[in-house]
């Protein structure tokens, strides 16, 4: 029983850690995609929608 309890607590720790990592990723996703879109626009000279990747003007 004690071993099963230890496995349950480790599973819970892994699930919570994965949730924290996912939350941090989702918090920084929009600024990162905007920065990538801005850099892409600088390199290509074209405006790019950061969410879709479509070129807004030629």
Protein backbone atom coordinates (compact mmCIF):
# COMPACT_ATOMS: atom_id res chain seq x y z
CA UNK A 1 0.00 0.00 0.00
CA UNK A 2 2.85 2.34 0.85
CA UNK A 3 4.43 1.77 -2.59
CA UNK A 4 1.13 2.54 -4.35
CA UNK A 5 0.84 5.76 -2.38
CA UNK A 6 4.34 6.78 -3.48
CA UNK A 7 3.50 6.11 -7.12
CA UNK A 8 0.32 8.17 -6.81
CA UNK A 9 2.18 11.13 -5.34
CA UNK A 10 4.86 10.97 -8.06
CA UNK A 11 2.14 10.86 -10.72
CA UNK A 12 0.50 13.89 -9.14
CA UNK A 13 3.82 15.76 -9.07
CA UNK A 14 4.41 15.01 -12.76
CA UNK A 15 0.90 16.16 -13.70
CA UNK A 16 1.26 19.40 -11.72
CA UNK A 17 4.73 20.07 -13.19
CA UNK A 18 3.44 19.49 -16.72
CA UNK A 19 0.55 21.89 -16.00
CA UNK A 20 2.94 24.57 -14.76
CA UNK A 21 5.18 24.22 -17.81
CA UNK A 22 2.16 24.38 -20.12
CA UNK A 23 0.84 27.49 -18.32
CA UNK A 24 4.21 29.26 -18.68
CA UNK A 25 4.35 28.33 -22.37
CA UNK A 26 0.81 29.62 -22.98
CA UNK A 27 1.59 32.87 -21.14
CA UNK A 28 4.55 33.61 -23.41
CA UNK A 29 3.15 32.18 -26.67
CA UNK A 30 1.62 35.41 -28.01
CA UNK A 31 4.67 37.65 -27.37
CA UNK A 32 6.96 35.03 -28.91
CA UNK A 33 4.84 34.62 -32.05
CA UNK A 34 4.59 38.41 -32.40
CA UNK A 35 8.36 38.78 -32.10
CA UNK A 36 8.88 36.07 -34.72
CA UNK A 37 6.40 37.79 -37.05
CA UNK A 38 8.12 41.14 -36.55
CA UNK A 39 11.54 39.66 -37.32
CA UNK A 40 10.13 37.89 -40.37
CA UNK A 41 8.72 41.21 -41.58
CA UNK A 42 12.13 42.85 -41.13
CA UNK A 43 13.88 40.09 -43.08
CA UNK A 44 11.40 39.85 -45.94
CA UNK A 45 10.20 43.46 -46.06
CA UNK A 46 6.61 42.17 -45.93
CA UNK A 47 4.06 42.38 -43.14
CA UNK A 48 3.14 38.96 -41.77
CA UNK A 49 0.21 38.04 -39.55
CA UNK A 50 1.87 36.35 -36.55
CA UNK A 51 -1.06 34.03 -35.84
CA UNK A 52 -1.74 32.77 -39.37
CA UNK A 53 1.61 33.34 -41.08
CA UNK A 54 -0.09 35.01 -44.05
CA UNK A 55 1.65 37.90 -45.79
CA UNK A 56 -0.50 41.00 -45.38
CA UNK A 57 1.00 43.06 -48.20
CA UNK A 58 3.36 42.48 -51.10
